[in-house]
Amino acid sequence: MFDNYHLTHINMPAVFIANGLGACLMLVILLSRHRRIRSSSLDGKLFYGMCLSCLFLCIMETVGFMLDGQQFFAARQISILCSVATLCLAAILSVFWGCYVDCRLFQDRARIIKIYPFAAIPAILICVAAVCNLFFGVFFWVTDDNIYYRTQLFFIPCAVMYCYITYGAVLSYCCRKRVDKYLFMPVMSFLLPVYVGSAIQLLFYGIALTWVSVALGLTLLYINLQSEDIFLDTLTDLYNRNYLMH
């Protein structure tokens, strides 16, 4: 029922570098002056919600790797809590991504309120099942000697998260005529590093690439949002003189 992983499979220096880089990128975005400009809008709140989730995911995953196999008081309990928090935050981030893409395409708050309480049900179920790991193994288990195991059901939260992320890409493609007016919203620049990094980590436990990949995707998206602010008029969403000169 369980896939066994051992502490020797974890390259802690690489984990510190990868997740440390991801956390630093998110901190730079969250502390930037540009945040105050966009944080009042719904899409801005969703974007910075993704950045904040990614920051905590980088931290939680690193702590979880550090605790694997440790025997000090409450190490096992903290390890379980970190793994539960990681699954819940990942599900939340995935829903935020779908909402964000939808909001950017349609600019319709009523549509978000109408659709996404139902669209978020799979993510909510993942969070509930993740909390159940506090009592018995659903997606993972931590033994009495504090060794982490993935169960055969671990692919379910991964599949749900991939579906939310892919939904954003499919929605953008289906509404590509609308996307044209958001020239600087490169959905693929977010998706490509996320797909590659998460797939490698899913196959090889002990490699920390998922959340630094998400951080990289969000950073690329942030750079393009700044370009959008330079070249688009905020009132009409039409290209301005700066874009004409460019």
Protein backbone atom coordinates (compact mmCIF):
# COMPACT_ATOMS: atom_id res chain seq x y z
CA MET A 1 0.00 0.00 0.00
CA PHE A 2 2.85 2.40 0.71
CA ASP A 3 5.79 3.50 -1.45
CA ASN A 4 8.88 3.63 0.74
CA TYR A 5 11.30 6.56 0.58
CA HIS A 6 14.39 6.94 2.67
CA LEU A 7 16.15 9.99 3.99
CA THR A 8 19.22 9.22 1.87
CA HIS A 9 17.15 9.97 -1.24
CA ILE A 10 16.81 13.61 -0.19
CA ASN A 11 19.43 16.07 -1.39
CA MET A 12 18.98 18.70 1.31
CA PRO A 13 21.41 21.29 -0.14
CA ALA A 14 19.49 21.15 -3.42
CA VAL A 15 16.19 21.44 -1.53
CA PHE A 16 17.44 24.52 0.33
CA ILE A 17 18.66 26.15 -2.88
CA ALA A 18 15.52 25.41 -4.92
CA ASN A 19 12.90 26.28 -2.33
CA GLY A 20 15.00 29.16 -1.00
CA LEU A 21 15.09 30.63 -4.50
CA GLY A 22 11.33 30.14 -4.86
CA ALA A 23 10.65 31.79 -1.50
CA CYS A 24 12.91 34.74 -2.34
CA LEU A 25 11.17 35.30 -5.68
CA MET A 26 7.78 35.32 -3.97
CA LEU A 27 8.98 37.69 -1.25
CA VAL A 28 10.29 40.13 -3.87
CA ILE A 29 6.88 40.17 -5.58
CA LEU A 30 4.87 40.39 -2.36
CA LEU A 31 7.00 43.25 -1.01
CA SER A 32 7.18 45.23 -4.25
CA ARG A 33 5.59 48.65 -4.66
CA HIS A 34 3.73 47.34 -7.70
CA ARG A 35 1.60 45.21 -5.39
CA ARG A 36 -0.29 48.24 -4.10
CA ILE A 37 -1.42 49.08 -7.63
CA ARG A 38 -3.08 45.74 -8.36
CA SER A 39 -3.98 44.37 -4.95
CA SER A 40 -7.35 46.15 -4.94
CA SER A 41 -8.68 44.26 -7.99
CA LEU A 42 -9.98 40.68 -7.90
CA ASP A 43 -7.38 39.37 -10.34
CA GLY A 44 -4.68 41.14 -8.31
CA LYS A 45 -5.89 39.54 -5.10
CA LEU A 46 -5.91 36.12 -6.77
CA PHE A 47 -2.41 36.64 -8.15
CA TYR A 48 -0.95 37.68 -4.83
CA GLY A 49 -2.90 34.88 -3.15
CA MET A 50 -1.04 32.45 -5.44
CA CYS A 51 2.27 34.11 -4.57
CA LEU A 52 1.57 33.88 -0.83
CA SER A 53 0.52 30.24 -1.16
CA CYS A 54 3.68 29.45 -3.12
CA LEU A 55 5.83 31.14 -0.46
CA PHE A 56 4.36 28.98 2.31
CA LEU A 57 4.58 25.88 0.12
CA CYS A 58 8.32 26.42 -0.36
CA ILE A 59 8.72 26.75 3.41
CA MET A 60 6.47 23.83 4.35
CA GLU A 61 8.08 21.44 1.89
CA THR A 62 11.57 22.33 3.09
CA VAL A 63 10.59 21.79 6.73
CA GLY A 64 8.97 18.48 5.81
CA PHE A 65 12.14 17.25 4.11
CA MET A 66 14.26 18.38 7.06
CA LEU A 67 12.09 16.47 9.53
CA ASP A 68 12.05 13.21 7.57
CA GLY A 69 13.65 10.57 9.81
CA GLN A 70 14.28 12.92 12.73
CA GLN A 71 13.54 11.55 16.20
CA PHE A 72 13.24 14.59 18.47
CA PHE A 73 10.06 15.37 20.42
CA ALA A 74 7.01 16.12 18.20
CA ALA A 75 9.04 15.73 14.98
CA ARG A 76 6.55 13.22 13.57
CA GLN A 77 3.55 15.42 14.40
CA ILE A 78 5.14 18.48 12.80
CA SER A 79 6.08 16.44 9.74
CA ILE A 80 2.48 15.29 9.32
CA LEU A 81 1.17 18.83 9.73
CA CYS A 82 3.61 20.12 7.10
CA SER A 83 2.53 17.45 4.62
CA VAL A 84 -1.17 18.16 5.26
CA ALA A 85 -0.59 21.91 4.89
CA THR A 86 1.32 21.33 1.65
CA LEU A 87 -1.54 19.34 0.10
CA CYS A 88 -4.15 21.90 1.19
CA LEU A 89 -2.16 24.93 0.01
CA ALA A 90 -1.42 23.25 -3.34
CA ALA A 91 -5.14 22.65 -3.87
CA ILE A 92 -5.93 26.27 -2.96
CA LEU A 93 -3.26 27.61 -5.30
CA SER A 94 -4.63 25.48 -8.15
CA VAL A 95 -8.15 26.87 -7.67
CA PHE A 96 -6.78 30.40 -7.50
CA TRP A 97 -5.07 29.82 -10.86
CA GLY A 98 -8.32 28.78 -12.55
CA CYS A 99 -10.14 31.77 -11.04
CA TYR A 100 -7.34 34.10 -12.05
CA VAL A 101 -7.39 33.07 -15.71
CA ASP A 102 -11.18 33.29 -15.82
CA CYS A 103 -11.12 36.72 -14.20
CA ARG A 104 -8.52 38.02 -16.64
CA LEU A 105 -10.49 36.77 -19.62
CA PHE A 106 -14.01 37.84 -18.68
CA GLN A 107 -13.56 40.52 -16.00
CA ASP A 108 -16.84 39.30 -14.50
CA ARG A 109 -16.95 38.96 -10.70
CA ALA A 110 -20.50 37.55 -10.86
CA ARG A 111 -19.27 34.74 -13.12
CA ILE A 112 -16.56 33.85 -10.60
CA ILE A 113 -19.06 33.79 -7.73
CA LYS A 114 -21.48 31.67 -9.76
CA ILE A 115 -19.07 29.06 -11.14
CA TYR A 116 -16.17 28.57 -8.78
CA PRO A 117 -17.90 27.54 -5.55
CA PHE A 118 -18.89 24.41 -7.50
CA ALA A 119 -15.63 24.17 -9.46
CA ALA A 120 -13.72 24.24 -6.18
CA ILE A 121 -15.46 21.11 -4.83
CA PRO A 122 -12.69 18.69 -5.94
CA ALA A 123 -10.07 20.87 -4.25
CA ILE A 124 -12.18 21.05 -1.09
CA LEU A 125 -12.47 17.24 -1.06
CA ILE A 126 -8.68 17.00 -1.43
CA CYS A 127 -8.27 19.31 1.57
CA VAL A 128 -10.70 17.23 3.64
CA ALA A 129 -8.92 14.00 2.69
CA ALA A 130 -5.56 15.63 3.47
CA VAL A 131 -6.77 16.54 6.96
CA CYS A 132 -7.79 12.90 7.43
CA ASN A 133 -4.07 12.07 7.14
CA LEU A 134 -3.78 13.37 10.69
CA PHE A 135 -5.46 10.14 11.78
CA PHE A 136 -4.83 7.54 9.06
CA GLY A 137 -3.01 7.25 5.77
CA VAL A 138 -4.93 8.49 2.76
CA PHE A 139 -2.38 10.18 0.52
CA PHE A 140 0.67 9.62 2.72
CA TRP A 141 1.73 8.17 6.02
CA VAL A 142 4.50 8.86 8.50
CA THR A 143 5.66 5.87 10.53
CA ASP A 144 6.40 5.87 14.26
CA ASP A 145 10.09 6.36 13.45
CA ASN A 146 9.13 9.41 11.35
CA ILE A 147 9.69 8.00 7.85
CA TYR A 148 7.48 9.46 5.12
CA TYR A 149 5.53 7.21 2.73
CA ARG A 150 3.31 7.97 -0.21
CA THR A 151 0.22 5.79 -0.60
CA GLN A 152 -1.14 4.55 -3.89
CA LEU A 153 -3.77 7.31 -3.72
CA PHE A 154 -1.16 10.07 -3.82
CA PHE A 155 -1.74 10.51 -7.54
CA ILE A 156 -5.31 11.79 -6.87
CA PRO A 157 -4.40 15.24 -5.46
CA CYS A 158 -1.72 15.54 -8.13
CA ALA A 159 -4.27 14.75 -10.88
CA VAL A 160 -6.80 17.23 -9.45
CA MET A 161 -4.19 19.99 -9.30
CA TYR A 162 -3.04 19.26 -12.87
CA CYS A 163 -6.68 19.46 -14.01
CA TYR A 164 -7.14 22.93 -12.49
CA ILE A 165 -3.90 24.18 -14.00
CA THR A 166 -4.69 22.66 -17.40
CA TYR A 167 -8.18 24.15 -17.22
CA GLY A 168 -6.60 27.60 -17.26
CA ALA A 169 -4.71 26.78 -20.44
CA VAL A 170 -7.76 25.25 -22.14
CA LEU A 171 -9.92 28.21 -21.18
CA SER A 172 -7.36 30.62 -22.59
CA TYR A 173 -7.19 28.65 -25.85
CA CYS A 174 -10.97 28.42 -26.22
CA CYS A 175 -11.25 32.16 -25.59
CA ARG A 176 -8.13 33.07 -27.57
CA LYS A 177 -9.91 35.98 -29.28
CA ARG A 178 -10.33 37.51 -25.86
CA VAL A 179 -6.73 36.69 -24.97
CA ASP A 180 -5.54 38.85 -27.85
CA LYS A 181 -6.31 42.01 -25.89
CA TYR A 182 -4.19 40.64 -23.04
CA LEU A 183 -1.05 40.27 -25.09
CA PHE A 184 1.08 40.16 -21.96
CA MET A 185 -0.66 37.31 -20.19
CA PRO A 186 1.53 34.38 -21.25
CA VAL A 187 -0.28 31.40 -19.77
CA MET A 188 2.24 28.98 -21.23
CA SER A 189 5.12 30.75 -19.50
CA PHE A 190 3.46 29.74 -16.23
CA LEU A 191 2.44 26.24 -17.26
CA LEU A 192 5.65 24.97 -18.84
CA PRO A 193 7.94 25.18 -15.78
CA VAL A 194 5.13 23.91 -13.52
CA TYR A 195 4.51 20.82 -15.66
CA VAL A 196 8.19 19.98 -16.03
CA GLY A 197 9.20 20.62 -12.42
CA SER A 198 6.24 18.87 -10.80
CA ALA A 199 6.51 15.83 -13.09
CA ILE A 200 10.17 15.34 -12.18
CA GLN A 201 9.46 15.66 -8.45
CA LEU A 202 6.49 13.31 -8.65
CA LEU A 203 8.66 10.63 -10.22
CA PHE A 204 11.70 11.15 -8.01
CA TYR A 205 11.05 11.77 -4.32
CA GLY A 206 13.60 14.01 -2.63
CA ILE A 207 13.93 16.46 -5.53
CA ALA A 208 12.39 19.86 -4.78
CA LEU A 209 11.36 21.35 -8.12
CA THR A 210 7.60 21.81 -7.97
CA TRP A 211 7.29 25.01 -5.97
CA VAL A 212 10.37 26.73 -7.35
CA SER A 213 8.86 25.99 -10.79
CA VAL A 214 5.58 27.58 -9.70
CA ALA A 215 7.52 30.55 -8.31
CA LEU A 216 9.34 30.90 -11.63
CA GLY A 217 6.05 30.78 -13.54
CA LEU A 218 4.50 33.41 -11.27
CA THR A 219 7.59 35.60 -11.63
CA LEU A 220 7.37 35.42 -15.44
CA LEU A 221 3.70 36.28 -15.21
CA TYR A 222 4.50 39.19 -12.88
CA ILE A 223 7.05 40.59 -15.34
CA ASN A 224 4.49 40.46 -18.13
CA LEU A 225 1.88 42.14 -15.94
CA GLN A 226 4.28 45.01 -15.47
CA SER A 227 4.72 45.21 -19.24
CA GLU A 228 0.95 45.26 -19.58
CA ASP A 229 0.73 48.22 -17.19
CA ILE A 230 3.26 50.07 -19.32
CA PHE A 231 1.58 49.43 -22.69
CA LEU A 232 -2.16 49.28 -21.89
CA ASP A 233 -4.45 52.08 -20.82
CA THR A 234 -5.96 51.08 -17.47
CA LEU A 235 -9.39 52.58 -18.27
CA THR A 236 -10.03 51.26 -21.79
CA ASP A 237 -7.59 48.30 -22.04
CA LEU A 238 -6.44 49.78 -25.35
CA TYR A 239 -2.78 50.04 -26.34
CA ASN A 240 -1.29 53.43 -25.51
CA ARG A 241 1.40 55.60 -27.05
CA ASN A 242 4.15 53.67 -25.27
CA TYR A 243 3.10 50.53 -27.14
CA LEU A 244 3.00 52.43 -30.44
CA MET A 245 6.55 53.65 -29.90
CA HIS A 246 7.63 50.16 -28.84
